[in-house]
Amino acid sequence: MPQHPDHTPSLVYANARGEIKDLPDLLMAGRSGLDFQPPSLQALIPLPPGSELFVLPQRRPVGIDPDSGEALLLEDDPAEPGAPAQAVAAFIAPAHTAILGAAYQRESEEAVTLPLFAYTAVGWYRGRFWVCAWRSDHDRRQDFGRHRPEAIKKRTNRRLAAMSNNRLVQHLGKCCLTYGCPAAVNYFMDSFEAPLPTSPVCNARCLGCISLQPSGCCPATQDRIKFVPTPAEIAEIAGEHLAKTAHVASFGQGCEGEPLLQDDTIAAAIKLTRKRTAKGRINCNTNAGRPEALAKLVDAGLDAIRVSLNSAQDHYHKRYYRPLDFNLDRVRESIRHLKAGGKFVSLNYFVLPGFSDDPAEYNALCRLIEECRPDFIQLRNLNMDPDWYLTELEFAPTGEAMGIMAWRAALGRRFPKLGFGYFNPPPAGHRQRQRKGARS
């Protein structure tokens, strides 16, 4: 399979019945901020296995005229004059980061808000779909088809029955069997990183929260945990998983609020886990708004944190997280404290083409890296309607966007010791051990 096409793919759209078609008369376009542009051939890869295609309601596709290079709006379905053409986007598989978003125009300002997914540009060429993205992490932990569905179901049900008194295991069973959560799947298959959701409450009201949204907004994609597990319930999971895999166990998941609000419980759980095993890395995915709580977890044996970050600029950070009791200064304080203690720090940096690579955002991120010295950046796609995001943040471009690949390259040149990827990395020197029968 070729890595890149030798010609720009054609536009894809959906008819009124949701059937996806291609239109050879127009080339695919991508979106950066509010601008439409043709993708470079080097920015295109075959649609990764495990990706999905979405029809975008109340949105018309935008393509590129192959002769003039002009961006054109496709209002009607060429095959059915008078019937609407609907935009199509790709929700790309984990370990891939978007370079350009899907190109479309809303029918009106009142168009329905899109669900909490990422929307990547997609086109059609020589019998396959192509997306504007790249593989940002070669770790295979969430690759499609790595485990047989029947094996996942069998192993999960067996553990649910054996650990029926552990409420956290039962919660993760729903995450695995109902939502297909890759982290929960890995836990039940004794591989890679295990999730440890702990907190039903939060100290932020994130616009793009995937576990809790106000009535009338877009629906959350999963249910938030409704209880605080005991230290013993947590340690039973973490201790066994780390002993088997020597990989990572992480507090702070998509099915919970902010883990630092349960600092006493987590500190006790970390201590119990370390009585069971010294293997692996105990990590906390967090908004990092409570430095004192993080200090308590470090004292208990926390090895690493991953800091959720949509922007390194204070005003955009505040407008996205809508924090109740912290700000970006507190986040910086948390990172500095962890680094002073020799701990591993990642930034879970939400990538949105046209926003993340805006000149002012790039410069602000560079200042944060220079000041706080994180070890790693996880290049995660922003799972949110881009129009909603840019409007709510009151985004004002400060110049021409750098382009996501140029942005990534510039960061690499400026900070040669900084790691990049998509997932929480395991401890240095770790080699994943596969259990017999775990692979498909």
Protein backbone atom coordinates (compact mmCIF):
# COMPACT_ATOMS: atom_id res chain seq x y z
CA MET A 1 0.00 0.00 0.00
CA PRO A 2 1.51 3.37 -1.00
CA GLN A 3 2.25 5.76 1.85
CA HIS A 4 1.05 8.79 -0.12
CA PRO A 5 -1.05 9.17 -3.31
CA ASP A 6 0.45 10.44 -6.55
CA HIS A 7 -2.53 12.73 -7.17
CA THR A 8 -4.89 14.71 -4.98
CA PRO A 9 -7.95 12.58 -4.15
CA SER A 10 -11.41 13.65 -5.22
CA LEU A 11 -14.03 15.13 -2.93
CA VAL A 12 -16.34 12.74 -1.09
CA TYR A 13 -19.84 13.66 -0.01
CA ALA A 14 -23.04 11.96 1.15
CA ASN A 15 -26.41 12.08 -0.57
CA ALA A 16 -29.69 12.73 1.22
CA ARG A 17 -29.85 9.05 2.27
CA GLY A 18 -26.39 9.15 3.85
CA GLU A 19 -24.73 7.14 1.07
CA ILE A 20 -21.11 8.21 0.58
CA LYS A 21 -19.98 9.02 -2.96
CA ASP A 22 -17.03 10.64 -4.66
CA LEU A 23 -17.11 13.54 -7.13
CA PRO A 24 -14.19 13.40 -9.60
CA ASP A 25 -14.97 16.93 -10.82
CA LEU A 26 -13.71 18.40 -7.53
CA LEU A 27 -10.60 17.67 -5.48
CA MET A 28 -10.76 17.18 -1.76
CA ALA A 29 -10.15 20.18 0.47
CA GLY A 30 -9.05 20.48 4.06
CA ARG A 31 -9.70 23.06 6.73
CA SER A 32 -7.23 25.02 8.84
CA GLY A 33 -9.04 27.30 11.27
CA LEU A 34 -11.62 29.00 9.07
CA ASP A 35 -9.61 28.61 5.84
CA PHE A 36 -10.02 25.95 3.12
CA GLN A 37 -7.00 24.64 1.26
CA PRO A 38 -5.87 21.67 -0.85
CA PRO A 39 -3.75 19.14 1.05
CA SER A 40 -0.22 18.35 -0.02
CA LEU A 41 0.34 14.80 -1.23
CA GLN A 42 2.78 14.27 1.66
CA ALA A 43 -0.02 15.10 4.11
CA LEU A 44 -2.22 12.22 2.88
CA ILE A 45 -2.23 8.61 4.05
CA PRO A 46 -4.66 5.72 3.46
CA LEU A 47 -7.57 5.73 5.90
CA PRO A 48 -6.18 3.75 8.86
CA PRO A 49 -7.95 0.53 9.91
CA GLY A 50 -10.29 1.20 12.79
CA SER A 51 -11.25 4.66 11.51
CA GLU A 52 -14.84 5.68 10.85
CA LEU A 53 -16.56 7.94 8.33
CA PHE A 54 -19.17 10.41 9.56
CA VAL A 55 -21.87 12.22 7.61
CA LEU A 56 -22.08 15.79 8.94
CA PRO A 57 -25.69 17.00 9.17
CA GLN A 58 -26.63 20.49 8.02
CA ARG A 59 -23.19 20.98 6.49
CA ARG A 60 -22.30 21.28 2.81
CA PRO A 61 -18.97 19.94 1.50
CA VAL A 62 -16.25 22.18 0.14
CA GLY A 63 -13.90 21.01 -2.61
CA ILE A 64 -11.15 22.44 -4.79
CA ASP A 65 -11.60 23.31 -8.47
CA PRO A 66 -8.82 21.36 -10.23
CA ASP A 67 -8.31 24.11 -12.82
CA SER A 68 -8.41 27.30 -10.77
CA GLY A 69 -7.46 25.94 -7.34
CA GLU A 70 -10.45 27.82 -5.92
CA ALA A 71 -12.45 26.44 -3.00
CA LEU A 72 -16.01 25.70 -4.14
CA LEU A 73 -19.14 24.88 -2.14
CA LEU A 74 -21.11 21.82 -3.27
CA GLU A 75 -24.73 22.58 -2.34
CA ASP A 76 -26.65 19.99 -4.36
CA ASP A 77 -26.02 16.33 -5.11
CA PRO A 78 -24.85 16.20 -8.79
CA ALA A 79 -26.53 12.79 -9.15
CA GLU A 80 -29.87 14.07 -7.80
CA PRO A 81 -30.41 17.74 -8.74
CA GLY A 82 -32.27 19.59 -6.01
CA ALA A 83 -31.29 17.09 -3.31
CA PRO A 84 -28.69 18.26 -0.77
CA ALA A 85 -25.07 17.17 -0.67
CA GLN A 86 -23.81 16.49 2.85
CA ALA A 87 -20.24 16.82 4.09
CA VAL A 88 -18.25 13.76 5.18
CA ALA A 89 -15.39 13.53 7.69
CA ALA A 90 -13.12 10.81 9.01
CA PHE A 91 -12.76 9.98 12.69
CA ILE A 92 -9.26 8.56 12.48
CA ALA A 93 -8.01 5.63 14.53
CA PRO A 94 -5.88 6.19 17.66
CA ALA A 95 -2.16 6.90 17.18
CA HIS A 96 -2.92 9.24 14.24
CA THR A 97 -3.02 13.05 14.33
CA ALA A 98 -4.90 15.25 11.87
CA ILE A 99 -3.12 17.71 9.59
CA LEU A 100 -6.26 19.31 8.14
CA GLY A 101 -9.87 19.14 9.31
CA ALA A 102 -12.90 18.32 7.18
CA ALA A 103 -13.87 21.12 4.79
CA TYR A 104 -17.51 22.17 4.96
CA GLN A 105 -19.82 25.12 5.43
CA ARG A 106 -22.75 25.12 7.85
CA GLU A 107 -26.19 25.70 6.36
CA SER A 108 -26.80 28.37 9.01
CA GLU A 109 -25.57 29.58 12.38
CA GLU A 110 -28.30 27.42 13.94
CA ALA A 111 -26.88 24.17 12.52
CA VAL A 112 -26.88 21.34 15.07
CA THR A 113 -23.68 21.04 17.13
CA LEU A 114 -21.55 18.07 16.09
CA PRO A 115 -20.93 15.28 18.62
CA LEU A 116 -17.65 15.09 20.56
CA PHE A 117 -15.43 13.51 17.94
CA ALA A 118 -12.58 14.79 15.76
CA TYR A 119 -13.34 15.57 12.11
CA THR A 120 -10.50 14.98 9.64
CA ALA A 121 -10.42 15.72 5.90
CA VAL A 122 -11.03 12.66 3.72
CA GLY A 123 -10.98 12.04 -0.04
CA TRP A 124 -11.14 9.17 -2.56
CA TYR A 125 -8.49 8.01 -5.04
CA ARG A 126 -7.81 4.72 -6.81
CA GLY A 127 -10.24 2.60 -4.88
CA ARG A 128 -9.55 3.80 -1.34
CA PHE A 129 -10.14 6.63 1.09
CA TRP A 130 -7.27 8.95 2.01
CA VAL A 131 -7.09 11.21 5.06
CA CYS A 132 -5.06 14.29 5.87
CA ALA A 133 -3.12 12.94 8.86
CA TRP A 134 -0.01 11.08 9.93
CA ARG A 135 0.79 8.28 12.34
CA SER A 136 2.14 10.16 15.35
CA ASP A 137 2.89 7.10 17.50
CA HIS A 138 4.07 3.64 16.40
CA ASP A 139 2.86 2.03 19.63
CA ARG A 140 0.31 -0.68 18.67
CA ARG A 141 -1.66 -0.67 21.93
CA GLN A 142 -4.93 0.51 20.40
CA ASP A 143 -4.58 -0.79 16.85
CA PHE A 144 -7.75 -2.15 15.28
CA GLY A 145 -8.09 -5.94 15.28
CA ARG A 146 -5.29 -6.57 17.77
CA HIS A 147 -7.64 -8.77 19.83
CA ARG A 148 -10.47 -11.02 18.66
CA PRO A 149 -13.87 -9.74 19.88
CA GLU A 150 -14.80 -13.17 21.21
CA ALA A 151 -11.54 -13.31 23.19
CA ILE A 152 -12.21 -9.87 24.70
CA LYS A 153 -15.74 -10.86 25.72
CA LYS A 154 -14.62 -14.18 27.20
CA ARG A 155 -11.74 -12.73 29.20
CA THR A 156 -13.80 -9.77 30.41
CA ASN A 157 -16.74 -11.88 31.60
CA ARG A 158 -14.39 -14.30 33.33
CA ARG A 159 -12.75 -11.50 35.31
CA LEU A 160 -16.06 -9.81 36.08
CA ALA A 161 -17.26 -13.05 37.63
CA ALA A 162 -14.02 -13.66 39.52
CA MET A 163 -13.90 -10.08 40.90
CA SER A 164 -17.60 -9.50 41.44
CA ASN A 165 -16.97 -7.62 44.70
CA ASN A 166 -14.69 -5.04 43.07
CA ARG A 167 -16.91 -2.18 41.87
CA LEU A 168 -14.15 -0.64 39.77
CA VAL A 169 -13.67 -3.87 37.81
CA GLN A 170 -17.43 -3.95 37.16
CA HIS A 171 -17.34 -0.34 35.93
CA LEU A 172 -14.46 -1.14 33.58
CA GLY A 173 -16.39 -4.13 32.30
CA LYS A 174 -19.10 -1.79 31.02
CA CYS A 175 -16.43 0.46 29.47
CA CYS A 176 -15.00 -2.57 27.68
CA LEU A 177 -18.11 -4.42 26.57
CA THR A 178 -20.49 -1.47 25.97
CA TYR A 179 -18.22 1.33 24.76
CA GLY A 180 -15.32 -0.71 23.40
CA CYS A 181 -12.93 1.52 25.37
CA PRO A 182 -9.41 0.53 24.19
CA ALA A 183 -7.90 1.23 27.63
CA ALA A 184 -10.45 -1.03 29.33
CA VAL A 185 -9.87 -3.70 26.68
CA ASN A 186 -6.14 -3.61 27.40
CA TYR A 187 -6.80 -4.05 31.11
CA PHE A 188 -8.92 -7.15 30.63
CA MET A 189 -6.44 -8.52 28.08
CA ASP A 190 -3.50 -7.95 30.48
CA SER A 191 -1.62 -5.71 28.08
CA PHE A 192 -0.27 -2.17 27.87
CA GLU A 193 -1.86 0.64 29.93
CA ALA A 194 -4.66 0.02 32.46
CA PRO A 195 -7.25 2.71 33.37
CA LEU A 196 -8.07 3.59 36.99
CA PRO A 197 -11.11 5.94 36.94
CA THR A 198 -11.69 7.29 40.43
CA SER A 199 -13.46 10.64 40.54
CA PRO A 200 -17.17 11.33 39.84
CA VAL A 201 -16.64 15.09 40.34
CA CYS A 202 -14.54 17.76 38.69
CA ASN A 203 -13.16 21.26 39.29
CA ALA A 204 -13.58 22.28 35.64
CA ARG A 205 -16.50 22.52 33.23
CA CYS A 206 -14.68 21.73 29.99
CA LEU A 207 -16.47 22.62 26.78
CA GLY A 208 -15.52 19.29 25.27
CA CYS A 209 -16.02 17.06 28.31
CA ILE A 210 -16.79 13.56 27.00
CA SER A 211 -18.39 12.26 30.20
CA LEU A 212 -20.67 15.13 31.32
CA GLN A 213 -22.48 17.76 29.27
CA PRO A 214 -25.33 20.12 30.24
CA SER A 215 -28.84 19.37 29.05
CA GLY A 216 -29.47 20.70 25.55
CA CYS A 217 -25.80 20.51 24.53
CA CYS A 218 -24.24 17.76 22.46
CA PRO A 219 -24.47 14.42 24.32
CA ALA A 220 -21.48 13.02 26.21
CA THR A 221 -19.99 9.96 24.53
CA GLN A 222 -19.81 7.85 27.70
CA ASP A 223 -21.15 7.66 31.26
CA ARG A 224 -19.12 9.13 34.11
CA ILE A 225 -18.27 6.89 37.05
CA LYS A 226 -20.80 7.39 39.86
CA PHE A 227 -18.76 6.33 42.90
CA VAL A 228 -15.31 6.68 44.42
CA PRO A 229 -13.63 3.27 44.56
CA THR A 230 -11.74 2.28 47.69
CA PRO A 231 -7.94 2.21 47.77
CA ALA A 232 -8.16 -1.58 48.02
CA GLU A 233 -10.34 -1.83 44.89
CA ILE A 234 -7.92 0.35 42.95
CA ALA A 235 -4.79 -1.43 44.17
CA GLU A 236 -6.23 -4.85 43.33
CA ILE A 237 -6.43 -3.76 39.70
CA ALA A 238 -3.25 -1.68 39.48
CA GLY A 239 -1.04 -4.07 41.42
CA GLU A 240 -2.00 -7.12 39.39
CA HIS A 241 -1.77 -5.30 36.06
CA LEU A 242 1.64 -3.74 36.71
CA ALA A 243 3.01 -7.01 38.05
CA LYS A 244 1.94 -8.76 34.83
CA THR A 245 2.84 -6.09 32.28
CA ALA A 246 5.38 -3.70 33.88
CA HIS A 247 3.64 -1.05 31.76
CA VAL A 248 1.41 1.82 33.00
CA ALA A 249 -1.64 2.22 35.24
CA SER A 250 -3.35 5.60 34.97
CA PHE A 251 -5.74 7.64 37.05
CA GLY A 252 -7.73 10.23 35.11
CA GLN A 253 -9.88 8.71 32.35
CA GLY A 254 -12.56 9.90 29.97
CA CYS A 255 -15.23 8.31 32.16
CA GLU A 256 -14.48 10.46 35.21
CA GLY A 257 -13.94 13.99 36.44
CA GLU A 258 -10.70 15.31 37.95
CA PRO A 259 -8.71 12.65 39.86
CA LEU A 260 -6.90 15.19 42.07
CA LEU A 261 -10.21 15.77 43.88
CA GLN A 262 -9.72 12.24 45.28
CA ASP A 263 -6.12 12.77 46.36
CA ASP A 264 -6.43 10.97 49.72
CA THR A 265 -7.96 7.88 48.11
CA ILE A 266 -5.43 7.83 45.29
CA ALA A 267 -2.46 8.35 47.63
CA ALA A 268 -3.58 5.38 49.74
CA ALA A 269 -4.13 3.30 46.58
CA ILE A 270 -0.64 4.09 45.28
CA LYS A 271 0.91 2.97 48.55
CA LEU A 272 -1.08 -0.28 48.50
CA THR A 273 -0.14 -0.88 44.87
CA ARG A 274 3.55 -0.44 45.60
CA LYS A 275 3.29 -2.99 48.40
CA ARG A 276 2.17 -5.46 45.73
CA THR A 277 4.73 -4.62 43.04
CA ALA A 278 7.52 -2.19 42.19
CA LYS A 279 7.03 -2.75 38.46
CA GLY A 280 5.65 -0.33 35.91
CA ARG A 281 4.69 3.32 36.02
CA ILE A 282 1.82 4.85 38.01
CA ASN A 283 0.52 7.85 36.10
CA CYS A 284 -2.16 10.49 36.63
CA ASN A 285 -3.95 12.19 33.73
CA THR A 286 -5.03 15.53 35.17
CA ASN A 287 -5.83 19.17 34.54
CA ALA A 288 -2.98 19.81 37.04
CA GLY A 289 -4.91 22.58 38.77
CA ARG A 290 -4.11 21.39 42.30
CA PRO A 291 -0.34 21.41 42.95
CA GLU A 292 -0.80 20.54 46.64
CA ALA A 293 -2.75 17.41 45.80
CA LEU A 294 -0.11 16.38 43.26
CA ALA A 295 2.60 16.85 45.88
CA LYS A 296 0.70 14.42 48.12
CA LEU A 297 0.53 11.85 45.31
CA VAL A 298 4.23 12.23 44.55
CA ASP A 299 5.02 11.59 48.21
CA ALA A 300 2.90 8.44 47.97
CA GLY A 301 4.84 7.16 44.96
CA LEU A 302 3.29 8.68 41.81
CA ASP A 303 5.71 8.33 38.88
CA ALA A 304 4.27 10.55 36.15
CA ILE A 305 1.53 12.94 35.11
CA ARG A 306 -0.11 13.82 31.83
CA VAL A 307 -1.40 17.39 31.81
CA SER A 308 -4.51 18.13 29.77
CA LEU A 309 -3.90 21.30 27.74
CA ASN A 310 -5.91 22.88 24.96
CA SER A 311 -3.81 26.04 24.82
CA ALA A 312 -0.73 27.59 26.38
CA GLN A 313 -2.45 30.99 26.36
CA ASP A 314 -4.26 31.92 29.57
CA HIS A 315 -7.42 33.33 27.98
CA TYR A 316 -8.00 30.35 25.69
CA HIS A 317 -7.19 27.90 28.50
CA LYS A 318 -9.75 29.57 30.77
CA ARG A 319 -12.47 29.69 28.10
CA TYR A 320 -12.13 25.96 27.37
CA TYR A 321 -11.69 24.51 30.87
CA ARG A 322 -13.90 27.05 32.64
CA PRO A 323 -12.07 26.14 35.89
CA LEU A 324 -13.69 26.50 39.29
CA ASP A 325 -10.56 26.89 41.42
CA PHE A 326 -7.42 27.06 39.25
CA ASN A 327 -5.76 28.76 36.31
CA LEU A 328 -2.86 28.17 33.96
CA ASP A 329 -0.38 29.53 36.53
CA ARG A 330 -1.38 26.70 38.87
CA VAL A 331 -0.88 24.23 36.04
CA ARG A 332 2.62 25.55 35.44
CA GLU A 333 3.34 25.27 39.17
CA SER A 334 2.28 21.61 39.11
CA ILE A 335 4.56 20.82 36.18
CA ARG A 336 7.53 22.54 37.80
CA HIS A 337 6.95 20.64 41.05
CA LEU A 338 6.87 17.27 39.29
CA LYS A 339 9.99 18.06 37.28
CA ALA A 340 11.84 19.26 40.40
CA GLY A 341 11.11 15.84 41.88
CA GLY A 342 12.51 14.04 38.85
CA LYS A 343 9.11 12.78 37.65
CA PHE A 344 7.97 12.25 34.07
CA VAL A 345 5.63 14.92 32.65
CA SER A 346 3.60 14.74 29.43
CA LEU A 347 1.37 17.38 27.92
CA ASN A 348 -1.86 15.99 26.50
CA TYR A 349 -2.00 18.74 23.89
CA PHE A 350 -5.23 18.99 21.88
CA VAL A 351 -4.41 19.55 18.22
CA LEU A 352 -6.76 21.55 15.98
CA PRO A 353 -5.34 22.68 12.62
CA GLY A 354 -5.41 26.45 12.35
CA PHE A 355 -5.53 26.95 16.11
CA SER A 356 -2.64 24.91 17.51
CA ASP A 357 -0.32 26.16 14.76
CA ASP A 358 -1.37 29.80 15.01
CA PRO A 359 1.81 31.89 15.54
CA ALA A 360 0.79 33.23 18.97
CA GLU A 361 -0.21 29.77 20.20
CA TYR A 362 3.06 28.26 18.98
CA ASN A 363 5.07 30.96 20.75
CA ALA A 364 3.08 30.54 23.97
CA LEU A 365 3.62 26.78 23.91
CA CYS A 366 7.35 27.31 23.38
CA ARG A 367 7.49 29.62 26.39
CA LEU A 368 5.70 27.03 28.53
CA ILE A 369 8.09 24.29 27.41
CA GLU A 370 11.13 26.48 28.07
CA GLU A 371 9.85 27.40 31.52
CA CYS A 372 8.45 24.07 32.71
CA ARG A 373 10.51 21.51 30.74
CA PRO A 374 7.97 18.72 30.16
CA ASP A 375 9.38 15.47 28.80
CA PHE A 376 6.78 14.57 26.20
CA ILE A 377 3.89 15.92 24.13
CA GLN A 378 0.95 13.70 23.22
CA LEU A 379 -0.51 14.94 19.95
CA ARG A 380 -4.23 14.30 20.54
CA ASN A 381 -6.92 15.45 18.12
CA LEU A 382 -9.45 17.87 19.60
CA ASN A 383 -12.72 15.94 19.88
CA MET A 384 -15.17 18.77 19.40
CA ASP A 385 -17.15 20.64 16.79
CA PRO A 386 -14.48 23.07 15.47
CA ASP A 387 -16.95 25.91 14.87
CA TRP A 388 -18.28 25.62 18.41
CA TYR A 389 -14.73 25.52 19.78
CA LEU A 390 -13.44 28.54 17.87
CA THR A 391 -16.57 30.57 18.64
CA GLU A 392 -16.59 29.83 22.36
CA LEU A 393 -12.87 30.59 22.66
CA GLU A 394 -13.35 33.83 20.69
CA PHE A 395 -10.37 32.79 18.61
CA ALA A 396 -8.61 35.57 16.74
CA PRO A 397 -5.82 34.44 14.36
CA THR A 398 -2.54 36.29 14.80
CA GLY A 399 -1.13 35.46 11.39
CA GLU A 400 -0.99 32.70 8.80
CA ALA A 401 -1.10 29.25 10.39
CA MET A 402 2.23 27.42 10.25
CA GLY A 403 0.72 24.12 9.09
CA ILE A 404 0.61 21.21 11.51
CA MET A 405 3.60 19.33 10.04
CA ALA A 406 5.72 22.51 9.97
CA TRP A 407 4.60 23.23 13.55
CA ARG A 408 5.63 19.75 14.67
CA ALA A 409 8.98 20.04 12.90
CA ALA A 410 9.67 23.47 14.42
CA LEU A 411 9.00 22.15 17.93
CA GLY A 412 11.35 19.24 17.29
CA ARG A 413 14.15 21.51 16.13
CA ARG A 414 13.70 23.94 19.02
CA PHE A 415 13.42 21.23 21.68
CA PRO A 416 15.49 18.25 20.50
CA LYS A 417 15.13 16.39 23.83
CA LEU A 418 11.34 16.65 23.84
CA GLY A 419 9.50 13.42 23.03
CA PHE A 420 6.42 13.23 20.82
CA GLY A 421 3.72 10.60 20.48
CA TYR A 422 0.08 9.87 21.10
CA PHE A 423 -0.03 7.59 24.18
CA ASN A 424 1.36 7.63 27.70
CA PRO A 425 4.80 6.08 27.20
CA PRO A 426 5.85 3.13 29.38
CA PRO A 427 8.95 3.27 31.60
CA ALA A 428 12.26 3.48 29.78
CA GLY A 429 13.47 0.11 28.57
CA HIS A 430 10.04 -1.50 28.78
CA ARG A 431 9.23 -4.25 26.32
CA GLN A 432 5.59 -5.31 26.05
CA ARG A 433 5.03 -8.97 26.84
CA GLN A 434 2.06 -10.57 25.08
CA ARG A 435 0.09 -13.21 26.92
CA LYS A 436 -0.46 -16.40 24.98
CA GLY A 437 -3.73 -16.23 23.06
CA ALA A 438 -4.19 -12.48 23.58
CA ARG A 439 -3.59 -11.53 19.97
CA SER A 440 -6.06 -12.09 17.18
